[in-house]
Amino acid sequence: MLKAILTVLMFAALIFSAYAQDLTVNLVFPKSSRGPVTGVKKIEPPVEVSGTLILDVNPYPTAVEDSRYSAQYFLNDELVYETNGYDAATPGRLDFKYALDTTKYDNGSYRLFVNFWDNKGPSAIGTKDIIITQPAQ
């Protein structure tokens, strides 16, 4: 019985991963206002997405502590997910991933914002423009 359940779960994970897209949002940490300008931010074109979108942030913090961090995902002005990245079942690592179901939204352009908080240091922000394009039914 357990073998049958594990087989079904593995099959479901394969199906889910086959239809999911990964999208990483690069975080920008604030710099001193008196510091020199060292480069120009590259402008990235919007990414076309549909179905399930696996969102993540980069870089991850190096310290793993419960309740130290908070990642908030916004689609335009709507908060869609918030996590502290800490799971007591895996205390040695953090995970800020979120599966966004884009089928709940109309086709069109959106801006994905990520607010990343560190209660012992600077916070960061990241943005990514996306275009939701669901296939015609």
N, C-alpha and C. Protein backbone atom coordinates (compact mmCIF):
# COMPACT_ATOMS: atom_id res chain seq x y z
N MET A 1 0.82 -1.19 0.00
CA MET A 1 0.00 0.00 0.00
C MET A 1 0.87 1.26 0.00
N LEU A 2 1.89 1.27 0.85
CA LEU A 2 2.78 2.42 0.92
C LEU A 2 3.50 2.63 -0.40
N LYS A 3 3.89 1.54 -1.05
CA LYS A 3 4.58 1.64 -2.33
C LYS A 3 3.66 2.28 -3.38
N ALA A 4 2.38 1.92 -3.37
CA ALA A 4 1.42 2.48 -4.31
C ALA A 4 1.24 3.98 -4.07
N ILE A 5 1.17 4.38 -2.81
CA ILE A 5 1.01 5.80 -2.48
C ILE A 5 2.23 6.58 -2.92
N LEU A 6 3.43 6.05 -2.67
CA LEU A 6 4.66 6.72 -3.08
C LEU A 6 4.73 6.85 -4.60
N THR A 7 4.29 5.82 -5.31
CA THR A 7 4.30 5.87 -6.78
C THR A 7 3.38 6.97 -7.28
N VAL A 8 2.19 7.08 -6.71
CA VAL A 8 1.24 8.12 -7.10
C VAL A 8 1.81 9.50 -6.80
N LEU A 9 2.42 9.68 -5.63
CA LEU A 9 3.00 10.96 -5.27
C LEU A 9 4.15 11.34 -6.21
N MET A 10 4.99 10.40 -6.56
CA MET A 10 6.09 10.67 -7.48
C MET A 10 5.57 11.06 -8.85
N PHE A 11 4.52 10.37 -9.32
CA PHE A 11 3.93 10.67 -10.61
C PHE A 11 3.32 12.08 -10.61
N ALA A 12 2.63 12.43 -9.51
CA ALA A 12 2.04 13.76 -9.39
C ALA A 12 3.12 14.83 -9.39
N ALA A 13 4.23 14.58 -8.72
CA ALA A 13 5.34 15.55 -8.70
C ALA A 13 5.92 15.72 -10.09
N LEU A 14 6.04 14.64 -10.86
CA LEU A 14 6.56 14.74 -12.22
C LEU A 14 5.63 15.56 -13.10
N ILE A 15 4.33 15.32 -12.99
CA ILE A 15 3.36 16.07 -13.77
C ILE A 15 3.42 17.54 -13.39
N PHE A 16 3.45 17.83 -12.09
CA PHE A 16 3.50 19.21 -11.63
C PHE A 16 4.75 19.91 -12.15
N SER A 17 5.90 19.25 -12.05
CA SER A 17 7.14 19.89 -12.49
C SER A 17 7.18 20.06 -14.00
N ALA A 18 6.49 19.22 -14.75
CA ALA A 18 6.48 19.35 -16.20
C ALA A 18 5.72 20.59 -16.66
N TYR A 19 4.75 21.04 -15.86
CA TYR A 19 3.93 22.17 -16.25
C TYR A 19 4.30 23.46 -15.52
N ALA A 20 5.27 23.42 -14.64
CA ALA A 20 5.64 24.60 -13.87
C ALA A 20 6.84 25.29 -14.51
N GLN A 21 6.83 26.61 -14.45
CA GLN A 21 7.96 27.42 -14.89
C GLN A 21 8.67 27.95 -13.66
N ASP A 22 10.00 28.04 -13.71
CA ASP A 22 10.76 28.65 -12.63
C ASP A 22 11.07 30.09 -12.99
N LEU A 23 10.95 30.98 -12.01
CA LEU A 23 11.29 32.38 -12.21
C LEU A 23 11.96 32.88 -10.94
N THR A 24 13.20 33.33 -11.07
CA THR A 24 13.95 33.85 -9.94
C THR A 24 13.99 35.36 -10.02
N VAL A 25 13.69 36.01 -8.89
CA VAL A 25 13.74 37.46 -8.80
C VAL A 25 15.03 37.84 -8.09
N ASN A 26 15.88 38.61 -8.75
CA ASN A 26 17.14 39.05 -8.16
C ASN A 26 16.87 40.20 -7.21
N LEU A 27 17.37 40.07 -5.98
CA LEU A 27 17.18 41.09 -4.96
C LEU A 27 18.27 42.15 -5.08
N VAL A 28 17.89 43.39 -4.82
CA VAL A 28 18.83 44.50 -4.81
C VAL A 28 18.87 45.06 -3.40
N PHE A 29 20.06 45.05 -2.80
CA PHE A 29 20.23 45.56 -1.45
C PHE A 29 20.64 47.03 -1.53
N PRO A 30 20.16 47.85 -0.61
CA PRO A 30 20.48 49.28 -0.66
C PRO A 30 21.97 49.52 -0.44
N LYS A 31 22.47 50.56 -1.07
CA LYS A 31 23.86 50.95 -0.90
C LYS A 31 23.91 52.33 -0.28
N SER A 32 25.05 52.72 0.18
CA SER A 32 25.24 54.04 0.76
C SER A 32 24.91 55.11 -0.27
N SER A 33 24.17 56.13 0.15
CA SER A 33 23.82 57.20 -0.79
C SER A 33 25.04 58.01 -1.19
N ARG A 34 26.13 57.89 -0.46
CA ARG A 34 27.34 58.64 -0.78
C ARG A 34 28.31 57.82 -1.62
N GLY A 35 28.01 56.55 -1.83
CA GLY A 35 28.91 55.69 -2.58
C GLY A 35 28.89 56.00 -4.07
N PRO A 36 29.96 55.65 -4.77
CA PRO A 36 30.02 55.91 -6.21
C PRO A 36 29.09 54.97 -6.99
N VAL A 37 28.64 55.42 -8.13
CA VAL A 37 27.85 54.59 -9.02
C VAL A 37 28.82 53.64 -9.71
N THR A 38 28.61 52.34 -9.55
CA THR A 38 29.57 51.37 -10.09
C THR A 38 29.06 50.65 -11.32
N GLY A 39 27.86 50.89 -11.72
CA GLY A 39 27.35 50.21 -12.91
C GLY A 39 25.93 50.63 -13.20
N VAL A 40 25.46 50.22 -14.34
CA VAL A 40 24.10 50.53 -14.77
C VAL A 40 23.29 49.24 -14.70
N LYS A 41 22.11 49.34 -14.13
CA LYS A 41 21.25 48.17 -14.02
C LYS A 41 20.77 47.74 -15.40
N LYS A 42 20.92 46.46 -15.68
CA LYS A 42 20.47 45.92 -16.95
C LYS A 42 18.94 45.88 -16.98
N ILE A 43 18.36 46.35 -18.07
CA ILE A 43 16.91 46.30 -18.22
C ILE A 43 16.55 44.98 -18.86
N GLU A 44 15.70 44.23 -18.18
CA GLU A 44 15.28 42.91 -18.68
C GLU A 44 13.90 43.01 -19.30
N PRO A 45 13.69 42.34 -20.42
CA PRO A 45 12.35 42.33 -21.02
C PRO A 45 11.40 41.51 -20.16
N PRO A 46 10.10 41.75 -20.27
CA PRO A 46 9.14 40.95 -19.52
C PRO A 46 9.21 39.48 -19.94
N VAL A 47 8.86 38.62 -19.01
CA VAL A 47 8.87 37.18 -19.24
C VAL A 47 7.43 36.72 -19.45
N GLU A 48 7.16 35.97 -20.54
CA GLU A 48 5.82 35.41 -20.76
C GLU A 48 5.67 34.16 -19.92
N VAL A 49 4.56 34.08 -19.19
CA VAL A 49 4.31 32.96 -18.30
C VAL A 49 2.88 32.48 -18.44
N SER A 50 2.65 31.23 -18.06
CA SER A 50 1.31 30.68 -17.98
C SER A 50 1.35 29.49 -17.04
N GLY A 51 0.18 29.11 -16.55
CA GLY A 51 0.11 27.96 -15.65
C GLY A 51 0.72 28.27 -14.30
N THR A 52 1.44 27.31 -13.74
CA THR A 52 2.06 27.47 -12.43
C THR A 52 3.46 28.06 -12.59
N LEU A 53 3.74 29.08 -11.81
CA LEU A 53 5.02 29.77 -11.85
C LEU A 53 5.69 29.58 -10.49
N ILE A 54 6.86 28.94 -10.45
CA ILE A 54 7.59 28.73 -9.21
C ILE A 54 8.51 29.93 -9.00
N LEU A 55 8.17 30.77 -8.03
CA LEU A 55 8.92 31.99 -7.75
C LEU A 55 9.98 31.73 -6.69
N ASP A 56 11.11 32.39 -6.84
CA ASP A 56 12.18 32.28 -5.86
C ASP A 56 12.97 33.58 -5.87
N VAL A 57 13.83 33.78 -4.87
CA VAL A 57 14.65 34.98 -4.77
C VAL A 57 16.13 34.60 -4.85
N ASN A 58 16.95 35.58 -5.19
CA ASN A 58 18.38 35.40 -5.25
C ASN A 58 19.03 36.73 -4.84
N PRO A 59 20.01 36.77 -3.98
CA PRO A 59 20.65 35.64 -3.29
C PRO A 59 19.90 35.27 -2.03
N TYR A 60 20.16 34.07 -1.55
CA TYR A 60 19.64 33.60 -0.28
C TYR A 60 20.57 34.07 0.83
N PRO A 61 20.04 34.36 2.02
CA PRO A 61 20.92 34.72 3.14
C PRO A 61 21.72 33.50 3.60
N THR A 62 22.85 33.76 4.23
CA THR A 62 23.70 32.65 4.68
C THR A 62 23.32 32.16 6.07
N ALA A 63 22.80 33.03 6.92
CA ALA A 63 22.41 32.61 8.27
C ALA A 63 21.02 31.99 8.24
N VAL A 64 20.88 30.84 8.87
CA VAL A 64 19.59 30.15 8.92
C VAL A 64 19.03 30.28 10.33
N GLU A 65 18.04 31.15 10.48
CA GLU A 65 17.43 31.38 11.78
C GLU A 65 15.92 31.53 11.61
N ASP A 66 15.18 30.95 12.55
CA ASP A 66 13.73 31.08 12.54
C ASP A 66 13.34 32.53 12.84
N SER A 67 12.38 33.06 12.13
CA SER A 67 11.79 34.38 12.33
C SER A 67 12.75 35.54 12.11
N ARG A 68 13.85 35.30 11.42
CA ARG A 68 14.76 36.42 11.13
C ARG A 68 14.37 37.12 9.83
N TYR A 69 13.87 36.35 8.87
CA TYR A 69 13.61 36.88 7.53
C TYR A 69 12.13 36.85 7.20
N SER A 70 11.77 37.66 6.21
CA SER A 70 10.42 37.62 5.67
C SER A 70 10.51 37.99 4.20
N ALA A 71 9.89 37.17 3.36
CA ALA A 71 9.79 37.46 1.93
C ALA A 71 8.31 37.64 1.61
N GLN A 72 8.00 38.74 0.96
CA GLN A 72 6.62 39.04 0.56
C GLN A 72 6.58 39.15 -0.95
N TYR A 73 5.68 38.39 -1.56
CA TYR A 73 5.49 38.42 -3.01
C TYR A 73 4.22 39.19 -3.34
N PHE A 74 4.35 40.19 -4.20
CA PHE A 74 3.21 40.99 -4.66
C PHE A 74 3.08 40.84 -6.16
N LEU A 75 1.85 40.74 -6.64
CA LEU A 75 1.56 40.83 -8.06
C LEU A 75 0.82 42.14 -8.25
N ASN A 76 1.48 43.10 -8.90
CA ASN A 76 1.04 44.50 -8.91
C ASN A 76 0.93 44.95 -7.45
N ASP A 77 -0.21 45.33 -6.97
CA ASP A 77 -0.33 45.79 -5.58
C ASP A 77 -0.92 44.74 -4.64
N GLU A 78 -1.13 43.53 -5.12
CA GLU A 78 -1.78 42.49 -4.32
C GLU A 78 -0.74 41.57 -3.68
N LEU A 79 -0.76 41.49 -2.34
CA LEU A 79 0.10 40.54 -1.63
C LEU A 79 -0.42 39.14 -1.91
N VAL A 80 0.41 38.28 -2.54
CA VAL A 80 -0.05 36.94 -2.89
C VAL A 80 0.56 35.86 -2.00
N TYR A 81 1.69 36.19 -1.32
CA TYR A 81 2.32 35.18 -0.47
C TYR A 81 3.34 35.84 0.43
N GLU A 82 3.45 35.30 1.66
CA GLU A 82 4.47 35.77 2.59
C GLU A 82 5.02 34.56 3.35
N THR A 83 6.33 34.53 3.53
CA THR A 83 6.96 33.43 4.24
C THR A 83 8.20 33.92 4.97
N ASN A 84 8.56 33.21 6.05
CA ASN A 84 9.84 33.51 6.70
C ASN A 84 10.94 32.57 6.21
N GLY A 85 10.58 31.65 5.31
CA GLY A 85 11.57 30.77 4.70
C GLY A 85 12.06 29.65 5.59
N TYR A 86 11.61 29.62 6.82
CA TYR A 86 12.12 28.64 7.78
C TYR A 86 11.11 27.51 7.96
N ASP A 87 11.59 26.30 7.92
CA ASP A 87 10.76 25.13 8.15
C ASP A 87 11.43 24.29 9.22
N ALA A 88 10.75 24.06 10.34
CA ALA A 88 11.33 23.30 11.46
C ALA A 88 11.72 21.88 11.03
N ALA A 89 11.07 21.36 9.98
CA ALA A 89 11.39 20.01 9.50
C ALA A 89 12.77 19.97 8.83
N THR A 90 13.21 21.10 8.28
CA THR A 90 14.54 21.19 7.65
C THR A 90 15.25 22.42 8.21
N PRO A 91 15.68 22.36 9.47
CA PRO A 91 16.22 23.56 10.12
C PRO A 91 17.56 24.04 9.56
N GLY A 92 18.22 23.26 8.72
CA GLY A 92 19.51 23.66 8.20
C GLY A 92 19.46 24.45 6.91
N ARG A 93 18.26 24.73 6.39
CA ARG A 93 18.19 25.48 5.14
C ARG A 93 16.93 26.35 5.10
N LEU A 94 16.97 27.35 4.24
CA LEU A 94 15.84 28.25 4.04
C LEU A 94 15.25 28.00 2.66
N ASP A 95 13.97 28.26 2.52
CA ASP A 95 13.30 28.10 1.24
C ASP A 95 12.24 29.19 1.10
N PHE A 96 12.42 30.06 0.12
CA PHE A 96 11.48 31.15 -0.09
C PHE A 96 10.64 30.95 -1.35
N LYS A 97 10.59 29.73 -1.87
CA LYS A 97 9.84 29.47 -3.10
C LYS A 97 8.34 29.55 -2.87
N TYR A 98 7.65 29.94 -3.95
CA TYR A 98 6.20 30.01 -3.92
C TYR A 98 5.66 29.63 -5.29
N ALA A 99 4.64 28.79 -5.32
CA ALA A 99 4.00 28.37 -6.57
C ALA A 99 2.80 29.29 -6.83
N LEU A 100 2.94 30.19 -7.81
CA LEU A 100 1.89 31.12 -8.18
C LEU A 100 1.08 30.53 -9.31
N ASP A 101 -0.23 30.38 -9.09
CA ASP A 101 -1.13 29.86 -10.11
C ASP A 101 -1.60 31.04 -10.97
N THR A 102 -1.00 31.20 -12.14
CA THR A 102 -1.33 32.35 -13.00
C THR A 102 -2.70 32.21 -13.65
N THR A 103 -3.31 31.02 -13.60
CA THR A 103 -4.64 30.85 -14.20
C THR A 103 -5.71 31.63 -13.44
N LYS A 104 -5.38 32.11 -12.24
CA LYS A 104 -6.33 32.90 -11.45
C LYS A 104 -6.35 34.36 -11.89
N TYR A 105 -5.49 34.72 -12.83
CA TYR A 105 -5.37 36.11 -13.26
C TYR A 105 -5.65 36.24 -14.75
N ASP A 106 -6.14 37.41 -15.13
CA ASP A 106 -6.41 37.68 -16.55
C ASP A 106 -5.11 37.78 -17.32
N ASN A 107 -5.17 37.49 -18.62
CA ASN A 107 -4.02 37.70 -19.48
C ASN A 107 -3.65 39.18 -19.45
N GLY A 108 -2.35 39.46 -19.51
CA GLY A 108 -1.90 40.84 -19.53
C GLY A 108 -0.57 41.01 -18.82
N SER A 109 -0.16 42.27 -18.72
CA SER A 109 1.13 42.61 -18.11
C SER A 109 0.96 42.84 -16.61
N TYR A 110 1.93 42.33 -15.86
CA TYR A 110 1.94 42.47 -14.40
C TYR A 110 3.37 42.76 -13.96
N ARG A 111 3.49 43.37 -12.80
CA ARG A 111 4.81 43.55 -12.19
C ARG A 111 4.83 42.74 -10.90
N LEU A 112 5.82 41.87 -10.80
CA LEU A 112 6.03 41.06 -9.62
C LEU A 112 7.04 41.79 -8.73
N PHE A 113 6.65 42.07 -7.50
CA PHE A 113 7.53 42.71 -6.52
C PHE A 113 7.85 41.69 -5.43
N VAL A 114 9.08 41.73 -4.95
CA VAL A 114 9.45 40.94 -3.78
C VAL A 114 10.08 41.89 -2.78
N ASN A 115 9.48 41.96 -1.60
CA ASN A 115 10.08 42.68 -0.48
C ASN A 115 10.73 41.63 0.41
N PHE A 116 12.00 41.82 0.70
CA PHE A 116 12.74 40.86 1.51
C PHE A 116 13.26 41.59 2.74
N TRP A 117 12.84 41.12 3.91
CA TRP A 117 13.18 41.77 5.17
C TRP A 117 14.17 40.92 5.95
N ASP A 118 15.11 41.57 6.57
CA ASP A 118 16.05 40.93 7.49
C ASP A 118 16.03 41.77 8.75
N ASN A 119 15.53 41.20 9.86
CA ASN A 119 15.38 42.00 11.07
C ASN A 119 16.70 42.32 11.75
N LYS A 120 17.83 41.81 11.22
CA LYS A 120 19.15 42.11 11.78
C LYS A 120 20.02 42.85 10.78
N GLY A 121 19.45 43.30 9.69
CA GLY A 121 20.26 43.98 8.69
C GLY A 121 19.38 44.61 7.64
N PRO A 122 19.98 45.00 6.51
CA PRO A 122 19.22 45.72 5.49
C PRO A 122 18.20 44.83 4.80
N SER A 123 17.13 45.47 4.37
CA SER A 123 16.13 44.76 3.58
C SER A 123 16.48 44.93 2.10
N ALA A 124 15.80 44.20 1.26
CA ALA A 124 16.07 44.26 -0.17
C ALA A 124 14.74 44.23 -0.91
N ILE A 125 14.81 44.57 -2.19
CA ILE A 125 13.62 44.53 -3.04
C ILE A 125 14.03 43.98 -4.39
N GLY A 126 13.11 43.31 -5.03
CA GLY A 126 13.33 42.82 -6.38
C GLY A 126 12.06 42.97 -7.19
N THR A 127 12.19 43.18 -8.49
CA THR A 127 11.03 43.28 -9.36
C THR A 127 11.29 42.49 -10.63
N LYS A 128 10.22 42.03 -11.22
CA LYS A 128 10.29 41.33 -12.51
C LYS A 128 8.97 41.59 -13.20
N ASP A 129 9.04 42.02 -14.45
CA ASP A 129 7.83 42.21 -15.25
C ASP A 129 7.48 40.90 -15.92
N ILE A 130 6.20 40.54 -15.85
CA ILE A 130 5.74 39.31 -16.48
C ILE A 130 4.52 39.62 -17.34
N ILE A 131 4.29 38.77 -18.32
CA ILE A 131 3.09 38.83 -19.15
C ILE A 131 2.41 37.48 -19.03
N ILE A 132 1.22 37.48 -18.46
CA ILE A 132 0.46 36.24 -18.32
C ILE A 132 -0.26 36.00 -19.65
N THR A 133 0.01 34.83 -20.24
CA THR A 133 -0.62 34.47 -21.52
C THR A 133 -1.13 33.04 -21.41
N GLN A 134 -2.38 32.92 -20.99
CA GLN A 134 -2.99 31.60 -20.89
C GLN A 134 -3.41 31.13 -22.28
N PRO A 135 -3.17 29.85 -22.57
CA PRO A 135 -3.59 29.35 -23.89
C PRO A 135 -5.11 29.39 -24.04
N ALA A 136 -5.55 29.61 -25.26
CA ALA A 136 -6.99 29.62 -25.54
C ALA A 136 -7.59 28.25 -25.28
N GLN A 137 -8.75 28.23 -24.71
CA GLN A 137 -9.42 26.96 -24.39
C GLN A 137 -10.19 26.45 -25.57
